[in-house]
Protein backbone atom coordinates (compact mmCIF):
# COMPACT_ATOMS: atom_id res chain seq x y z
CA MET A 1 155.05 114.01 4.01
CA ALA A 2 153.82 110.95 2.23
CA GLU A 3 152.05 111.82 -1.25
CA ILE A 4 148.57 112.97 -0.90
CA ARG A 5 146.24 111.87 -3.95
CA PRO A 6 142.38 111.18 -4.36
CA GLN A 7 140.75 108.34 -4.86
CA HIS A 8 140.44 106.86 -8.62
CA GLY A 9 137.07 107.34 -9.79
CA PRO A 10 134.50 109.66 -8.76
CA GLN A 11 136.95 111.74 -6.01
CA GLU A 12 139.19 112.55 -9.11
CA ALA A 13 137.19 113.29 -11.73
CA PHE A 14 135.52 115.96 -8.94
CA LEU A 15 139.37 116.95 -8.16
CA ALA A 16 139.91 117.22 -11.84
CA SER A 17 136.63 119.26 -12.99
CA PRO A 18 136.75 122.06 -15.52
CA ALA A 19 133.66 123.28 -14.68
CA ASP A 20 132.80 126.55 -13.02
CA ILE A 21 129.94 124.94 -10.59
CA ALA A 22 131.11 120.84 -9.70
CA ILE A 23 128.61 119.33 -6.83
CA TYR A 24 130.13 116.21 -5.87
CA GLY A 25 128.47 112.82 -3.97
CA GLY A 26 124.81 112.31 -3.59
CA ALA A 27 125.43 109.59 -1.07
CA ALA A 28 126.86 109.11 2.47
CA GLY A 29 130.67 107.78 2.27
CA GLY A 30 131.90 108.76 -1.03
CA GLY A 31 134.70 110.31 0.01
CA LYS A 32 133.17 114.06 0.12
CA THR A 33 134.58 116.44 2.83
CA TRP A 34 138.14 114.45 1.75
CA ALA A 35 137.87 116.19 -1.92
CA LEU A 36 136.34 119.43 -0.80
CA GLU A 37 139.55 120.13 1.85
CA PHE A 38 142.06 118.79 -0.99
CA GLU A 39 140.87 121.26 -3.42
CA PRO A 40 141.98 124.45 -2.57
CA LEU A 41 145.77 122.82 -2.05
CA ARG A 42 146.70 123.22 -5.70
CA HIS A 43 146.61 127.05 -5.13
CA VAL A 44 148.13 127.34 -2.04
CA ASP A 45 151.44 128.60 -3.26
CA LYS A 46 149.73 131.71 -4.74
CA PRO A 47 150.01 134.75 -2.83
CA GLY A 48 146.73 136.51 -2.30
CA PHE A 49 144.34 132.99 -2.80
CA SER A 50 141.73 132.74 -0.42
CA ALA A 51 139.18 129.72 0.05
CA VAL A 52 136.01 129.68 2.10
CA ILE A 53 134.25 126.07 2.55
CA PHE A 54 130.69 126.52 4.27
CA ARG A 55 128.91 124.54 6.27
CA ARG A 56 125.21 126.27 7.62
CA ASN A 57 126.13 126.62 11.14
CA ALA A 58 129.29 126.83 13.23
CA VAL A 59 128.72 124.10 15.35
CA GLN A 60 128.98 121.37 11.84
CA VAL A 61 132.16 122.80 11.34
CA ARG A 62 133.86 122.36 14.73
CA ASN A 63 131.62 118.72 15.16
CA PRO A 64 134.17 115.82 16.03
CA GLY A 65 135.10 114.33 12.59
CA GLY A 66 133.92 117.51 10.28
CA LEU A 67 135.60 120.05 9.04
CA TRP A 68 138.28 121.75 11.44
CA ASP A 69 139.26 117.80 12.84
CA ALA A 70 139.58 117.07 9.27
CA SER A 71 141.50 120.02 8.02
CA MET A 72 143.46 118.64 10.99
CA LYS A 73 144.35 115.23 8.83
CA ILE A 74 145.77 117.39 6.29
CA TYR A 75 147.39 121.18 6.03
CA PRO A 76 149.70 120.00 8.41
CA GLY A 77 151.80 118.20 6.33
CA LEU A 78 152.28 121.07 3.93
CA LYS A 79 153.35 123.63 7.09
CA ALA A 80 150.27 125.50 7.05
CA THR A 81 149.29 127.73 10.56
CA PRO A 82 145.77 127.25 12.40
CA LEU A 83 144.05 130.30 13.20
CA SER A 84 140.99 128.42 15.83
CA GLN A 85 139.41 131.87 16.00
CA PRO A 86 138.40 132.95 13.50
CA MET A 87 138.60 129.39 12.49
CA GLU A 88 141.55 129.21 8.73
CA TRP A 89 145.24 128.10 7.85
CA LEU A 90 147.47 130.11 7.02
CA PHE A 91 150.09 128.96 3.74
CA PRO A 92 153.67 130.06 3.45
CA SER A 93 152.67 132.30 1.03
CA LYS A 94 149.90 134.20 2.93
CA ALA A 95 147.15 131.50 0.79
CA LYS A 96 144.33 131.17 3.45
CA ILE A 97 141.85 128.26 4.25
CA LYS A 98 138.81 129.34 5.91
CA PHE A 99 136.22 127.65 7.40
CA ALA A 100 132.92 129.30 7.87
CA HIS A 101 128.67 129.27 8.10
CA LEU A 102 126.11 130.70 7.26
CA ASP A 103 123.62 130.16 10.39
CA HIS A 104 120.71 132.54 9.55
CA GLU A 105 119.56 133.51 5.65
CA THR A 106 120.90 136.88 6.07
CA THR A 107 124.07 136.12 7.09
CA VAL A 108 125.37 136.25 3.46
CA LEU A 109 125.69 139.72 4.05
CA ASP A 110 128.75 139.71 6.19
CA TRP A 111 130.87 138.90 3.46
CA GLN A 112 129.48 141.80 1.73
CA GLY A 113 132.49 143.27 -0.47
CA ALA A 114 134.43 139.66 -0.43
CA GLU A 115 136.60 138.54 -2.79
CA ILE A 116 136.85 134.74 -2.90
CA ALA A 117 138.42 132.41 -5.82
CA LEU A 118 137.19 129.50 -4.50
CA ILE A 119 134.01 129.31 -2.56
CA CYS A 120 133.31 125.21 -1.23
CA PHE A 121 129.63 124.25 0.26
CA ASP A 122 129.84 121.32 2.22
CA GLU A 123 126.86 119.65 2.11
CA LEU A 124 124.88 122.43 -0.23
CA THR A 125 120.72 121.04 0.46
CA HIS A 126 121.58 122.83 3.92
CA PHE A 127 121.84 126.34 2.48
CA SER A 128 119.07 128.37 0.75
CA GLU A 129 118.98 128.60 -2.79
CA SER A 130 119.64 132.21 -2.79
CA GLN A 131 122.34 131.56 -0.51
CA PHE A 132 124.14 129.92 -2.30
CA PHE A 133 123.59 132.37 -5.91
CA TYR A 134 124.36 135.65 -3.33
CA MET A 135 127.44 134.03 -2.82
CA LEU A 136 127.96 133.23 -6.71
CA SER A 137 128.46 137.26 -6.19
CA ARG A 138 131.78 136.88 -3.99
CA ASN A 139 132.91 134.77 -6.48
CA ARG A 140 136.54 136.87 -8.02
CA SER A 141 139.86 136.61 -8.29
CA THR A 142 142.51 139.20 -8.35
CA CYS A 143 145.33 136.16 -7.70
CA GLY A 144 145.43 134.50 -11.04
CA VAL A 145 142.78 131.31 -9.85
CA ARG A 146 139.53 131.47 -11.96
CA PRO A 147 137.11 131.86 -9.52
CA TYR A 148 135.23 128.47 -9.06
CA VAL A 149 132.93 126.77 -6.53
CA ARG A 150 132.50 123.15 -5.69
CA ALA A 151 130.16 121.45 -3.56
CA THR A 152 129.12 118.13 -2.00
CA CYS A 153 125.80 117.25 -0.99
CA ASN A 154 123.30 114.06 0.29
CA PRO A 155 120.34 113.36 -1.32
CA ASP A 156 117.42 115.62 -0.10
CA ALA A 157 114.14 115.14 -2.68
CA ASP A 158 112.37 118.49 -1.27
CA SER A 159 115.14 120.49 -1.71
CA TRP A 160 116.24 123.14 -4.60
CA VAL A 161 119.05 121.50 -5.30
CA ALA A 162 117.30 118.15 -6.29
CA ASN A 163 115.57 120.65 -8.98
CA PHE A 164 118.56 122.04 -10.39
CA ILE A 165 120.28 118.95 -10.99
CA SER A 166 117.46 117.23 -12.23
CA TRP A 167 119.28 116.43 -15.52
CA TRP A 168 121.68 114.42 -13.89
CA ILE A 169 119.00 112.52 -11.88
CA ASP A 170 116.53 110.13 -13.57
CA GLN A 171 113.45 110.94 -13.16
CA GLU A 172 111.47 107.79 -12.68
CA THR A 173 114.26 106.53 -10.27
CA GLY A 174 115.77 109.34 -8.56
CA LEU A 175 119.31 107.70 -9.05
CA ALA A 176 122.05 108.85 -10.81
CA ILE A 177 122.85 108.36 -14.75
CA PRO A 178 125.78 107.18 -14.73
CA GLU A 179 126.19 108.31 -18.15
CA ARG A 180 126.14 111.89 -17.84
CA SER A 181 128.10 111.85 -14.06
CA GLY A 182 130.53 114.40 -14.84
CA GLN A 183 129.27 115.86 -17.71
CA ILE A 184 129.38 119.46 -18.19
CA ARG A 185 126.02 122.13 -19.13
CA TRP A 186 125.46 125.19 -19.33
CA MET A 187 123.13 128.11 -17.59
CA ILE A 188 122.63 132.09 -16.63
CA ARG A 189 120.49 132.52 -14.45
CA LEU A 190 117.32 135.15 -15.52
CA GLY A 191 115.89 136.42 -11.73
CA ASP A 192 114.65 133.58 -9.99
CA LYS A 193 114.71 131.58 -13.34
CA ILE A 194 117.43 128.77 -14.23
CA VAL A 195 117.74 128.36 -18.08
CA TRP A 196 120.03 126.08 -19.06
CA ALA A 197 121.91 124.96 -22.45
CA ASP A 198 124.20 121.78 -23.89
CA SER A 199 127.01 124.76 -24.87
CA PRO A 200 127.63 128.77 -24.07
CA ASP A 201 127.16 129.71 -27.94
CA GLU A 202 123.56 128.20 -27.67
CA LEU A 203 123.09 131.11 -24.50
CA LYS A 204 125.37 133.65 -26.23
CA ARG A 205 122.86 133.83 -29.29
CA GLU A 206 119.61 133.76 -27.08
CA TYR A 207 120.89 135.90 -24.20
CA GLY A 208 123.85 138.51 -26.09
CA ASP A 209 127.72 137.99 -25.44
CA GLU A 210 126.93 139.61 -21.67
CA SER A 211 124.62 136.85 -20.44
CA LEU A 212 127.95 135.19 -19.14
CA PRO A 213 127.27 131.46 -18.67
CA LYS A 214 128.41 129.25 -16.17
CA SER A 215 129.31 125.61 -16.61
CA VAL A 216 127.87 123.39 -13.88
CA THR A 217 128.68 119.10 -14.08
CA PHE A 218 126.33 116.56 -11.06
CA ILE A 219 128.97 114.11 -10.67
CA ALA A 220 127.92 110.65 -8.38
CA SER A 221 129.76 108.56 -6.14
CA SER A 222 128.88 106.26 -2.49
CA LEU A 223 130.69 104.50 -0.09
CA PHE A 224 131.10 101.79 -2.53
CA ASP A 225 133.31 103.97 -4.34
CA ASN A 226 135.51 104.72 -1.41
CA LYS A 227 137.70 101.84 -1.06
CA ILE A 228 139.64 103.33 1.84
CA LEU A 229 136.75 103.94 3.69
CA MET A 230 134.94 100.73 3.53
CA GLU A 231 138.82 99.06 4.59
CA ALA A 232 138.92 101.37 7.15
CA ASP A 233 135.55 100.70 9.15
CA PRO A 234 134.30 97.63 6.98
CA GLY A 235 131.04 98.36 9.61
CA TYR A 236 129.99 101.75 8.33
CA LEU A 237 127.76 99.95 5.40
CA ALA A 238 125.93 98.11 8.18
CA ASN A 239 125.19 101.23 9.92
CA LEU A 240 124.14 102.66 6.28
CA LYS A 241 121.50 99.15 5.86
CA GLY A 242 120.73 99.62 9.58
CA LEU A 243 118.59 102.88 8.82
CA SER A 244 114.79 103.69 7.74
CA VAL A 245 113.88 102.65 4.16
CA VAL A 246 113.97 106.47 3.30
CA GLU A 247 117.27 106.97 4.89
CA ARG A 248 118.96 104.36 3.58
CA GLU A 249 117.62 104.87 0.23
CA ARG A 250 119.26 108.34 0.02
CA LEU A 251 122.47 107.64 1.68
CA LEU A 252 123.43 104.10 0.87
CA GLY A 253 121.35 104.06 -3.07
CA GLY A 254 121.55 107.87 -3.65
CA ASN A 255 118.67 107.94 -4.42
CA TRP A 256 116.82 111.89 -5.25
CA LYS A 257 112.60 111.52 -5.36
CA ILE A 258 112.39 109.32 -2.53
CA ARG A 259 109.87 110.70 0.38
CA PRO A 260 108.70 109.80 4.07
CA ALA A 261 105.15 108.24 2.78
CA ALA A 262 103.19 105.98 4.64
CA GLY A 263 103.51 102.13 4.93
CA LEU A 264 107.02 103.42 4.04
CA TYR A 265 108.40 103.54 7.84
CA PHE A 266 106.34 100.60 9.40
CA GLN A 267 104.41 97.82 8.21
CA ARG A 268 102.75 95.54 10.83
CA ALA A 269 103.50 92.35 8.95
CA TRP A 270 107.04 93.54 10.23
CA CYS A 271 107.12 92.76 13.82
CA PRO A 272 105.39 89.58 15.40
CA VAL A 273 102.91 89.55 18.02
CA VAL A 274 104.36 87.49 21.61
CA GLU A 275 101.78 86.64 24.08
CA ALA A 276 104.23 87.66 26.49
CA ALA A 277 107.40 89.68 26.99
CA PRO A 278 110.30 88.18 29.01
CA THR A 279 111.20 89.15 32.17
CA ASP A 280 114.51 90.42 32.00
CA LEU A 281 113.07 93.73 30.34
CA GLN A 282 114.42 97.30 30.53
CA LEU A 283 110.86 99.45 30.83
CA VAL A 284 110.31 102.55 30.45
CA ARG A 285 106.25 104.00 30.67
CA TYR A 286 106.58 107.49 27.63
CA TRP A 287 103.73 110.01 27.28
CA ASP A 288 103.31 112.01 24.18
CA LEU A 289 100.96 114.49 25.45
CA ALA A 290 98.04 116.53 23.58
CA ALA A 291 95.31 118.54 26.24
CA THR A 292 92.36 118.65 23.93
CA GLU A 293 88.90 117.35 24.03
CA LYS A 294 87.41 115.53 21.25
CA ILE A 295 84.06 117.24 20.52
CA GLU A 296 81.86 116.48 16.98
CA SER A 297 83.40 119.79 15.33
CA ASN A 298 87.31 119.50 16.06
CA ASP A 299 89.96 117.04 15.22
CA PRO A 300 92.89 117.39 18.29
CA ASP A 301 95.53 115.62 18.30
CA PHE A 302 95.43 112.39 20.95
CA THR A 303 97.71 112.23 23.94
CA VAL A 304 99.17 108.30 23.71
CA SER A 305 100.95 106.36 26.62
CA VAL A 306 103.27 103.61 25.18
CA LYS A 307 105.00 100.72 28.07
CA MET A 308 107.99 100.02 26.19
CA GLY A 309 111.12 97.13 26.86
CA ARG A 310 114.52 96.62 25.96
CA SER A 311 115.78 92.68 26.57
CA LYS A 312 119.54 92.86 28.31
CA ALA A 313 119.45 89.45 26.98
CA ASP A 314 119.59 90.19 22.84
CA GLY A 315 118.62 93.47 22.84
CA ARG A 316 115.27 92.36 21.19
CA ILE A 317 112.32 95.03 21.81
CA TYR A 318 108.71 95.37 23.33
CA ILE A 319 105.93 97.30 23.59
CA LEU A 320 103.99 95.73 25.71
CA HIS A 321 100.60 98.27 26.23
CA CYS A 322 99.31 101.70 24.34
CA LEU A 323 97.00 104.30 25.38
CA SER A 324 95.75 106.69 23.35
CA MET A 325 92.89 109.49 24.17
CA ARG A 326 91.19 112.57 23.47
CA GLN A 327 90.16 114.60 26.53
CA SER A 328 91.03 117.47 28.34
CA PRO A 329 94.27 118.52 30.42
CA PHE A 330 92.49 117.67 34.10
CA GLN A 331 91.34 114.35 32.46
CA VAL A 332 95.00 113.92 30.97
CA LYS A 333 96.79 114.48 34.17
CA SER A 334 94.45 111.69 35.87
CA ALA A 335 94.89 108.98 33.21
CA VAL A 336 98.96 109.70 33.82
CA ILE A 337 98.59 109.14 37.64
CA ASN A 338 96.29 107.02 37.32
CA ILE A 339 98.42 103.94 35.13
CA ALA A 340 101.81 105.72 37.48
CA GLY A 341 99.86 103.62 39.91
CA GLN A 342 99.31 100.52 38.14
CA ASP A 343 102.52 100.03 36.37
CA GLY A 344 104.63 100.92 39.78
CA ARG A 345 106.76 103.04 41.28
CA LYS A 346 110.09 101.69 39.84
CA MET A 347 108.52 101.78 36.18
CA PRO A 348 110.26 105.89 34.57
CA LEU A 349 107.88 107.76 33.45
CA VAL A 350 108.93 110.11 30.69
CA LEU A 351 106.51 113.03 29.71
CA PRO A 352 108.30 115.71 26.89
CA GLN A 353 108.42 118.99 28.01
CA ASP A 354 107.30 122.45 25.90
CA PRO A 355 109.50 124.55 25.04
CA GLY A 356 108.78 128.35 26.29
CA GLN A 357 107.32 128.88 29.98
CA ALA A 358 104.52 127.20 29.94
CA GLY A 359 105.92 124.00 29.31
CA LYS A 360 108.18 124.42 32.48
CA ALA A 361 105.32 124.72 34.24
CA GLN A 362 103.30 121.87 32.76
CA ALA A 363 106.57 119.13 33.79
CA ARG A 364 106.97 120.91 37.22
CA ASP A 365 103.33 120.47 37.74
CA PHE A 366 102.90 116.34 36.40
CA VAL A 367 106.35 116.18 38.65
CA ARG A 368 104.54 117.42 41.35
CA ALA A 369 101.33 115.66 41.04
CA LEU A 370 103.28 112.10 40.20
CA TYR A 371 105.73 112.35 43.80
CA GLY A 372 107.62 109.15 44.54
CA TYR A 373 107.28 107.76 40.65
CA ARG A 374 110.62 107.71 38.72
CA VAL A 375 109.58 111.14 36.02
CA LEU A 376 112.17 112.65 33.64
CA THR A 377 110.65 115.85 31.50
CA ARG A 378 112.68 116.18 28.71
CA PRO A 379 112.19 118.45 25.54
CA GLU A 380 112.63 116.81 22.03
CA SER A 381 115.13 117.92 19.74
CA GLY A 382 114.77 117.09 15.79
CA ASP A 383 111.55 116.78 13.41
CA LYS A 384 109.28 113.87 13.79
CA VAL A 385 110.63 111.60 10.61
CA THR A 386 113.86 111.71 11.86
CA ARG A 387 112.92 110.78 15.49
CA PHE A 388 111.04 107.35 14.63
CA GLY A 389 113.68 106.31 12.02
CA PRO A 390 115.62 103.84 14.38
CA PHE A 391 112.86 102.72 15.67
CA SER A 392 111.30 102.08 12.54
CA ALA A 393 115.10 100.80 11.03
CA GLN A 394 114.20 98.45 14.85
CA CYS A 395 111.08 97.05 13.24
CA GLU A 396 111.70 96.30 9.15
CA ALA A 397 115.00 94.33 10.92
CA GLY A 398 112.12 92.23 12.76
CA ASN A 399 113.23 93.45 16.19
CA VAL A 400 110.30 95.02 17.22
CA ALA A 401 108.17 92.51 18.87
CA PHE A 402 104.23 93.88 20.32
CA VAL A 403 102.54 91.73 22.71
CA ARG A 404 99.33 90.64 21.56
CA GLY A 405 96.22 93.27 23.46
CA GLU A 406 93.00 95.12 22.38
CA TRP A 407 95.46 98.16 21.56
CA ASN A 408 97.47 96.29 18.73
CA GLU A 409 95.08 97.35 15.43
CA GLU A 410 95.31 101.26 16.74
CA LEU A 411 98.91 101.49 16.98
CA PHE A 412 99.84 99.60 13.83
CA THR A 413 97.00 101.52 12.22
CA ALA A 414 98.35 104.70 13.13
CA LEU A 415 102.14 103.55 12.44
CA GLU A 416 101.65 102.56 8.93
CA GLY A 417 99.89 105.60 8.41
CA PHE A 418 102.90 107.95 9.85
CA PRO A 419 104.08 110.90 8.20
CA ALA A 420 101.51 111.39 5.64
CA ALA A 421 98.59 110.90 8.58
CA PRO A 422 97.17 113.89 9.84
CA HIS A 423 98.06 112.51 13.28
CA ASP A 424 101.36 111.38 14.28
CA ASP A 425 100.57 111.17 17.64
CA HIS A 426 101.66 106.77 18.53
CA ALA A 427 104.63 107.25 16.43
CA ASP A 428 106.26 110.34 18.61
CA ALA A 429 105.69 107.79 21.83
CA CYS A 430 106.92 105.36 20.22
CA SER A 431 110.60 106.93 18.93
CA GLY A 432 110.50 109.34 22.43
CA ALA A 433 110.33 105.55 24.17
CA TYR A 434 112.76 104.15 21.51
CA ASN A 435 114.88 106.60 21.98
CA PHE A 436 114.89 106.76 25.41
CA LEU A 437 115.59 103.00 25.64
CA THR A 438 118.69 103.07 23.93
CA GLU A 439 120.84 106.33 23.74
CA LYS A 440 123.51 106.16 25.46
CA ARG A 441 123.46 108.98 29.04
CA PRO A 442 125.06 108.58 32.86
CA PRO A 443 122.94 106.65 35.26
CA MET A 444 119.48 108.46 36.25
CA ARG A 445 119.04 109.94 39.87
CA PHE A 446 115.62 111.21 41.21
CA SER A 447 115.66 113.76 43.77
CA ARG A 448 112.46 113.03 46.42
CA GLY A 449 109.72 114.77 44.60
CA GLY A 450 110.54 112.02 41.29
CA ALA A 451 112.53 114.44 38.79
CA ARG A 452 115.69 113.96 37.40
CA ARG A 453 118.64 114.86 39.54
């Protein structure tokens, strides 16, 4: 087997760190998963050694290219035996590396009584602070390996991790401070409060020898530190540059302070207004439904419909029409039927389906009312900002045009306010239409009633 070595730079520094707790990453593409899976290998010749690598849920462990897949490229060459259920590797010395999840806040209780010499967290920001510190109590060892913790992460300004590693981050720019990367600090936890110091003696003088300080470090990395990935997949950099501005700042720039705010996801200057759209468009009419009438004392959501097309020639996106209303359920349903008649029976209509039985019943009712039309109802998944991201990135790149109309100003204003504005219905309609036009899926088939089969 060829020699396996970390890449020079942050990855090597992470694997060489003597800290009790070392956190690595802060951007995408820095070789975080490989480093996390490589870390336990220094101990697999010790009988009784055990390491557990956690992701928040089991799906993330088994995803293509995820932890389990990645381990298949490393561990077999060391004569390790994989056990799919549970997901673990058994080495000739009887040492074990296990992959597990902490789906729910209380899943940590499944680890009561466990003894784990090395605990690893992949994407630490996905775990709660209480889960992390509870698992520290399981970080113990009788196999001769000093117990320690390793973790990876991408930036998340609202996570507890952002506060935990704040000393290593410039609080003005949100970027890692290069000269602090890899430096060790010491901490103790008193209840829910963390007390930091530059040395363990400082904490012991204040809180006594029994305070047992732990050493902590953060080591920043980015795609540009991963020469192997840059050479193997040159397009990955382009993929990161094509993200929305917030996600690009996080995953490519390593920014721990940036948050979604008005004007970051959409600016009208990004999108030209054209007099007409080309005739080669793949079209969809997307509805984001609400059904509360506007009266003086309330501020209900809007029902918003966006007609969007994608050019078959160059993939450019055109928004041809937008309608918004705040009316009763009957008036909303009438509007959907009337607009469908104006668009024609060949126009695909997509309506979101709310979860639960009421949402299914509403979907069936619309399908019956739109007999003969090409109707698709489907649930939306993921948060609104994430769903809007791909559309936002195309707008910023200048790949989205608006056909001139009286509705332009309203849509521009609503999108520029997302996600800070009180209503996000226009953004939901645009992201729903865009994601429908661009997602990979089998050809749509419709029943006689218009619903997808």
